[in-house]
Amino acid sequence: MRPGGKNIRNCLLACCLFFALPLHGSKAEQNSPRRDGQHDFDFEIGTWKTHLRRLQYPLSGSQTWIEYEGISIVRKIWDGRANLVELEVDGPTGHIEGLSLRLYNPQSRQWSLNFANVKGGSLSAPTIGEFRNGRGEFYDQEEFNGRMILVRNVWSDIKADSCHFEQAFSDDGGKTWETNWIAEDTRVER
């Protein structure tokens, strides 16, 4: 065998194994029915007291957080396959009013989350994602300060009367994330 021949043979064997493996999980995963997530946001239907912390200047190195208090009202639409969120909070820098329209896509089994604030008057790019193991993750790409960035929304610590939401930005392709919006919600009524 010539020098390096064994390394070439091992490399070829590794390549053959790589291409022989399925790209999208095991055969059992491929044949199992996909989870229907159309009621994933049912936990949030009702009225919530919202404690919001917002990073004043995201992606600037700023560590200044502004706190707000207010109410979120979440209404079920289309028997839970969509919902509408109205957010109103007040803090030392003013009043925030926002609306989120969440739509479930039965083909992809994913949600699109579309946000608008009263100052802008139009829906933002939707974040797309789903819930797995009690955690919802949703992503999009949008412009921020003249640059394209990634946006991640996460719901976690979901309980009957409380839940946690975070938004984070990444300007390095998802290598690092900076959290800039944290909401702790406590149920007022169903």
C-alpha atoms as a PDB file:
ATOM      1  CA  MET A   1       0.000   0.000   0.000  1.00  0.00           C
ATOM      2  CA  ARG A   2       1.428   3.404  -0.932  1.00  0.00           C
ATOM      3  CA  PRO A   3       1.857   6.160   1.675  1.00  0.00           C
ATOM      4  CA  GLY A   4      -1.473   7.735   2.634  1.00  0.00           C
ATOM      5  CA  GLY A   5      -3.415   4.874   1.018  1.00  0.00           C
ATOM      6  CA  LYS A   6      -4.896   3.788   4.331  1.00  0.00           C
ATOM      7  CA  ASN A   7      -6.061   7.363   5.039  1.00  0.00           C
ATOM      8  CA  ILE A   8      -7.652   7.620   1.604  1.00  0.00           C
ATOM      9  CA  ARG A   9      -9.420   4.270   2.109  1.00  0.00           C
ATOM     10  CA  ASN A  10     -10.738   5.400   5.527  1.00  0.00           C
ATOM     11  CA  CYS A  11     -11.917   8.695   4.044  1.00  0.00           C
ATOM     12  CA  LEU A  12     -13.745   6.896   1.230  1.00  0.00           C
ATOM     13  CA  LEU A  13     -15.346   4.512   3.738  1.00  0.00           C
ATOM     14  CA  ALA A  14     -16.499   7.458   5.893  1.00  0.00           C
ATOM     15  CA  CYS A  15     -17.958   9.200   2.822  1.00  0.00           C
ATOM     16  CA  CYS A  16     -19.846   6.048   1.799  1.00  0.00           C
ATOM     17  CA  LEU A  17     -21.274   5.697   5.314  1.00  0.00           C
ATOM     18  CA  PHE A  18     -22.278   9.361   5.374  1.00  0.00           C
ATOM     19  CA  PHE A  19     -24.172   9.132   2.096  1.00  0.00           C
ATOM     20  CA  ALA A  20     -25.793   5.821   3.093  1.00  0.00           C
ATOM     21  CA  LEU A  21     -27.373   7.385   6.196  1.00  0.00           C
ATOM     22  CA  PRO A  22     -30.739   9.135   5.873  1.00  0.00           C
ATOM     23  CA  LEU A  23     -30.494  12.916   5.971  1.00  0.00           C
ATOM     24  CA  HIS A  24     -33.730  13.552   7.889  1.00  0.00           C
ATOM     25  CA  GLY A  25     -33.600  11.214  10.864  1.00  0.00           C
ATOM     26  CA  SER A  26     -34.108   7.504  11.202  1.00  0.00           C
ATOM     27  CA  LYS A  27     -36.581   5.454   9.188  1.00  0.00           C
ATOM     28  CA  ALA A  28     -38.741   5.149  12.329  1.00  0.00           C
ATOM     29  CA  GLU A  29     -38.802   8.956  12.664  1.00  0.00           C
ATOM     30  CA  GLN A  30     -39.666   9.340   8.978  1.00  0.00           C
ATOM     31  CA  ASN A  31     -42.579   6.882   9.211  1.00  0.00           C
ATOM     32  CA  SER A  32     -44.004   8.134  12.516  1.00  0.00           C
ATOM     33  CA  PRO A  33     -46.898  10.589  12.287  1.00  0.00           C
ATOM     34  CA  ARG A  34     -45.893  14.202  12.826  1.00  0.00           C
ATOM     35  CA  ARG A  35     -47.296  15.887  15.882  1.00  0.00           C
ATOM     36  CA  ASP A  36     -50.301  18.138  15.277  1.00  0.00           C
ATOM     37  CA  GLY A  37     -49.493  21.462  16.951  1.00  0.00           C
ATOM     38  CA  GLN A  38     -52.660  23.385  16.130  1.00  0.00           C
ATOM     39  CA  HIS A  39     -53.498  23.838  19.824  1.00  0.00           C
ATOM     40  CA  ASP A  40     -49.982  24.669  21.038  1.00  0.00           C
ATOM     41  CA  PHE A  41     -50.960  28.222  21.993  1.00  0.00           C
ATOM     42  CA  ASP A  42     -54.176  27.234  23.813  1.00  0.00           C
ATOM     43  CA  PHE A  43     -52.311  27.621  27.125  1.00  0.00           C
ATOM     44  CA  GLU A  44     -52.154  31.360  26.513  1.00  0.00           C
ATOM     45  CA  ILE A  45     -55.835  32.067  25.822  1.00  0.00           C
ATOM     46  CA  GLY A  46     -57.066  34.594  28.398  1.00  0.00           C
ATOM     47  CA  THR A  47     -55.890  37.741  30.163  1.00  0.00           C
ATOM     48  CA  TRP A  48     -52.359  38.059  31.544  1.00  0.00           C
ATOM     49  CA  LYS A  49     -50.460  40.515  33.701  1.00  0.00           C
ATOM     50  CA  THR A  50     -47.244  41.202  31.801  1.00  0.00           C
ATOM     51  CA  HIS A  51     -43.919  42.251  33.285  1.00  0.00           C
ATOM     52  CA  LEU A  52     -41.708  43.243  30.361  1.00  0.00           C
ATOM     53  CA  ARG A  53     -37.990  44.014  30.254  1.00  0.00           C
ATOM     54  CA  ARG A  54     -36.675  45.532  27.016  1.00  0.00           C
ATOM     55  CA  LEU A  55     -33.024  46.153  26.160  1.00  0.00           C
ATOM     56  CA  GLN A  56     -32.890  49.841  25.292  1.00  0.00           C
ATOM     57  CA  TYR A  57     -30.389  49.599  22.415  1.00  0.00           C
ATOM     58  CA  PRO A  58     -30.089  46.046  21.015  1.00  0.00           C
ATOM     59  CA  LEU A  59     -26.861  44.945  19.303  1.00  0.00           C
ATOM     60  CA  SER A  60     -24.987  48.003  20.542  1.00  0.00           C
ATOM     61  CA  GLY A  61     -23.254  46.581  23.600  1.00  0.00           C
ATOM     62  CA  SER A  62     -25.778  48.382  25.821  1.00  0.00           C
ATOM     63  CA  GLN A  63     -26.703  46.769  29.118  1.00  0.00           C
ATOM     64  CA  THR A  64     -29.533  49.223  29.896  1.00  0.00           C
ATOM     65  CA  TRP A  65     -32.880  47.507  30.425  1.00  0.00           C
ATOM     66  CA  ILE A  66     -36.238  49.280  30.634  1.00  0.00           C
ATOM     67  CA  GLU A  67     -39.090  47.694  32.581  1.00  0.00           C
ATOM     68  CA  TYR A  68     -42.793  47.873  31.743  1.00  0.00           C
ATOM     69  CA  GLU A  69     -45.982  46.611  33.373  1.00  0.00           C
ATOM     70  CA  GLY A  70     -49.261  45.932  31.638  1.00  0.00           C
ATOM     71  CA  ILE A  71     -51.758  43.476  30.263  1.00  0.00           C
ATOM     72  CA  SER A  72     -51.866  40.948  27.417  1.00  0.00           C
ATOM     73  CA  ILE A  73     -55.175  39.620  26.149  1.00  0.00           C
ATOM     74  CA  VAL A  74     -55.070  36.512  23.958  1.00  0.00           C
ATOM     75  CA  ARG A  75     -58.177  35.505  21.981  1.00  0.00           C
ATOM     76  CA  LYS A  76     -58.709  32.186  20.230  1.00  0.00           C
ATOM     77  CA  ILE A  77     -59.605  32.326  16.539  1.00  0.00           C
ATOM     78  CA  TRP A  78     -60.538  29.453  14.194  1.00  0.00           C
ATOM     79  CA  ASP A  79     -60.946  26.975  17.078  1.00  0.00           C
ATOM     80  CA  GLY A  80     -57.343  27.520  18.189  1.00  0.00           C
ATOM     81  CA  ARG A  81     -55.652  27.324  14.784  1.00  0.00           C
ATOM     82  CA  ALA A  82     -55.025  31.062  15.113  1.00  0.00           C
ATOM     83  CA  ASN A  83     -55.055  33.617  17.898  1.00  0.00           C
ATOM     84  CA  LEU A  84     -54.814  37.334  18.390  1.00  0.00           C
ATOM     85  CA  VAL A  85     -52.701  38.934  21.119  1.00  0.00           C
ATOM     86  CA  GLU A  86     -53.172  42.513  22.297  1.00  0.00           C
ATOM     87  CA  LEU A  87     -50.346  43.887  24.442  1.00  0.00           C
ATOM     88  CA  GLU A  88     -50.441  47.186  26.369  1.00  0.00           C
ATOM     89  CA  VAL A  89     -47.629  48.101  28.739  1.00  0.00           C
ATOM     90  CA  ASP A  90     -46.319  51.273  30.346  1.00  0.00           C
ATOM     91  CA  GLY A  91     -42.829  52.113  31.568  1.00  0.00           C
ATOM     92  CA  PRO A  92     -40.474  55.020  32.206  1.00  0.00           C
ATOM     93  CA  THR A  93     -39.926  55.597  28.471  1.00  0.00           C
ATOM     94  CA  GLY A  94     -43.596  55.499  27.531  1.00  0.00           C
ATOM     95  CA  HIS A  95     -46.436  53.337  26.361  1.00  0.00           C
ATOM     96  CA  ILE A  96     -46.185  50.278  24.078  1.00  0.00           C
ATOM     97  CA  GLU A  97     -49.179  48.855  22.230  1.00  0.00           C
ATOM     98  CA  GLY A  98     -48.652  45.772  20.140  1.00  0.00           C
ATOM     99  CA  LEU A  99     -50.666  43.160  18.336  1.00  0.00           C
ATOM    100  CA  SER A 100     -49.626  39.660  17.348  1.00  0.00           C
ATOM    101  CA  LEU A 101     -51.513  37.495  14.889  1.00  0.00           C
ATOM    102  CA  ARG A 102     -50.481  33.852  15.159  1.00  0.00           C
ATOM    103  CA  LEU A 103     -51.489  31.482  12.369  1.00  0.00           C
ATOM    104  CA  TYR A 104     -51.150  27.695  12.273  1.00  0.00           C
ATOM    105  CA  ASN A 105     -50.227  26.020   8.970  1.00  0.00           C
ATOM    106  CA  PRO A 106     -51.654  22.459   8.994  1.00  0.00           C
ATOM    107  CA  GLN A 107     -49.417  21.329   6.083  1.00  0.00           C
ATOM    108  CA  SER A 108     -46.096  22.327   7.667  1.00  0.00           C
ATOM    109  CA  ARG A 109     -47.461  21.952  11.218  1.00  0.00           C
ATOM    110  CA  GLN A 110     -45.767  25.214  12.097  1.00  0.00           C
ATOM    111  CA  TRP A 111     -46.914  28.592  13.357  1.00  0.00           C
ATOM    112  CA  SER A 112     -46.223  31.998  11.849  1.00  0.00           C
ATOM    113  CA  LEU A 113     -46.125  34.820  14.397  1.00  0.00           C
ATOM    114  CA  ASN A 114     -46.838  38.246  12.939  1.00  0.00           C
ATOM    115  CA  PHE A 115     -46.287  41.345  15.119  1.00  0.00           C
ATOM    116  CA  ALA A 116     -47.284  44.982  14.710  1.00  0.00           C
ATOM    117  CA  ASN A 117     -47.006  47.958  17.016  1.00  0.00           C
ATOM    118  CA  VAL A 118     -49.368  50.903  16.985  1.00  0.00           C
ATOM    119  CA  LYS A 119     -46.588  53.286  15.869  1.00  0.00           C
ATOM    120  CA  GLY A 120     -45.674  51.275  12.759  1.00  0.00           C
ATOM    121  CA  GLY A 121     -49.108  50.134  11.684  1.00  0.00           C
ATOM    122  CA  SER A 122     -47.932  47.127   9.663  1.00  0.00           C
ATOM    123  CA  LEU A 123     -47.090  43.506  10.360  1.00  0.00           C
ATOM    124  CA  SER A 124     -43.434  42.556  10.733  1.00  0.00           C
ATOM    125  CA  ALA A 125     -41.825  39.603   8.978  1.00  0.00           C
ATOM    126  CA  PRO A 126     -43.325  36.469  10.514  1.00  0.00           C
ATOM    127  CA  THR A 127     -41.253  34.309  12.808  1.00  0.00           C
ATOM    128  CA  ILE A 128     -41.850  30.655  11.930  1.00  0.00           C
ATOM    129  CA  GLY A 129     -41.551  27.640  14.179  1.00  0.00           C
ATOM    130  CA  GLU A 130     -43.163  25.110  16.460  1.00  0.00           C
ATOM    131  CA  PHE A 131     -43.317  23.663  19.956  1.00  0.00           C
ATOM    132  CA  ARG A 132     -41.274  20.642  20.999  1.00  0.00           C
ATOM    133  CA  ASN A 133     -41.108  19.217  24.504  1.00  0.00           C
ATOM    134  CA  GLY A 134     -42.949  22.191  26.024  1.00  0.00           C
ATOM    135  CA  ARG A 135     -40.730  24.830  24.378  1.00  0.00           C
ATOM    136  CA  GLY A 136     -41.679  26.938  21.375  1.00  0.00           C
ATOM    137  CA  GLU A 137     -38.946  28.294  19.075  1.00  0.00           C
ATOM    138  CA  PHE A 138     -39.617  30.643  16.159  1.00  0.00           C
ATOM    139  CA  TYR A 139     -37.144  32.282  13.749  1.00  0.00           C
ATOM    140  CA  ASP A 140     -36.965  34.868  10.997  1.00  0.00           C
ATOM    141  CA  GLN A 141     -34.525  37.131   9.210  1.00  0.00           C
ATOM    142  CA  GLU A 142     -35.165  40.865   9.113  1.00  0.00           C
ATOM    143  CA  GLU A 143     -33.467  44.209   8.753  1.00  0.00           C
ATOM    144  CA  PHE A 144     -32.249  46.004  11.869  1.00  0.00           C
ATOM    145  CA  ASN A 145     -30.220  49.231  11.709  1.00  0.00           C
ATOM    146  CA  GLY A 146     -29.517  48.680   8.023  1.00  0.00           C
ATOM    147  CA  ARG A 147     -28.255  45.087   8.409  1.00  0.00           C
ATOM    148  CA  MET A 148     -29.947  41.733   8.017  1.00  0.00           C
ATOM    149  CA  ILE A 149     -30.096  39.849  11.317  1.00  0.00           C
ATOM    150  CA  LEU A 150     -31.675  36.674  12.671  1.00  0.00           C
ATOM    151  CA  VAL A 151     -34.514  36.905  15.178  1.00  0.00           C
ATOM    152  CA  ARG A 152     -35.458  34.154  17.621  1.00  0.00           C
ATOM    153  CA  ASN A 153     -38.600  34.024  19.794  1.00  0.00           C
ATOM    154  CA  VAL A 154     -38.823  31.410  22.558  1.00  0.00           C
ATOM    155  CA  TRP A 155     -41.698  30.390  24.859  1.00  0.00           C
ATOM    156  CA  SER A 156     -40.606  28.355  27.869  1.00  0.00           C
ATOM    157  CA  ASP A 157     -41.460  27.540  31.477  1.00  0.00           C
ATOM    158  CA  ILE A 158     -45.116  27.164  30.474  1.00  0.00           C
ATOM    159  CA  LYS A 159     -47.445  26.495  33.386  1.00  0.00           C
ATOM    160  CA  ALA A 160     -51.218  26.805  33.859  1.00  0.00           C
ATOM    161  CA  ASP A 161     -50.925  30.346  35.250  1.00  0.00           C
ATOM    162  CA  SER A 162     -47.571  31.621  34.015  1.00  0.00           C
ATOM    163  CA  CYS A 163     -45.211  31.559  31.051  1.00  0.00           C
ATOM    164  CA  HIS A 164     -41.913  33.075  29.933  1.00  0.00           C
ATOM    165  CA  PHE A 165     -41.134  34.692  26.555  1.00  0.00           C
ATOM    166  CA  GLU A 166     -37.805  35.928  25.170  1.00  0.00           C
ATOM    167  CA  GLN A 167     -36.768  37.555  21.925  1.00  0.00           C
ATOM    168  CA  ALA A 168     -33.126  37.555  20.848  1.00  0.00           C
ATOM    169  CA  PHE A 169     -31.168  38.972  17.908  1.00  0.00           C
ATOM    170  CA  SER A 170     -28.085  37.574  16.174  1.00  0.00           C
ATOM    171  CA  ASP A 171     -25.948  39.607  13.792  1.00  0.00           C
ATOM    172  CA  ASP A 172     -23.401  36.812  13.232  1.00  0.00           C
ATOM    173  CA  GLY A 173     -25.560  34.159  11.555  1.00  0.00           C
ATOM    174  CA  GLY A 174     -26.760  32.556  14.781  1.00  0.00           C
ATOM    175  CA  LYS A 175     -23.361  31.918  16.380  1.00  0.00           C
ATOM    176  CA  THR A 176     -24.301  34.203  19.277  1.00  0.00           C
ATOM    177  CA  TRP A 177     -27.637  35.606  20.450  1.00  0.00           C
ATOM    178  CA  GLU A 178     -28.418  38.746  22.425  1.00  0.00           C
ATOM    179  CA  THR A 179     -31.687  38.648  24.349  1.00  0.00           C
ATOM    180  CA  ASN A 180     -33.461  42.005  24.083  1.00  0.00           C
ATOM    181  CA  TRP A 181     -37.072  41.407  25.180  1.00  0.00           C
ATOM    182  CA  ILE A 182     -38.168  39.318  28.194  1.00  0.00           C
ATOM    183  CA  ALA A 183     -41.795  38.936  29.246  1.00  0.00           C
ATOM    184  CA  GLU A 184     -43.005  37.168  32.376  1.00  0.00           C
ATOM    185  CA  ASP A 185     -46.744  36.626  32.158  1.00  0.00           C
ATOM    186  CA  THR A 186     -49.058  35.719  35.041  1.00  0.00           C
ATOM    187  CA  ARG A 187     -52.645  34.734  34.362  1.00  0.00           C
ATOM    188  CA  VAL A 188     -55.392  37.122  35.496  1.00  0.00           C
ATOM    189  CA  GLU A 189     -58.318  35.161  34.042  1.00  0.00           C
ATOM    190  CA  ARG A 190     -59.132  32.518  31.427  1.00  0.00           C
END
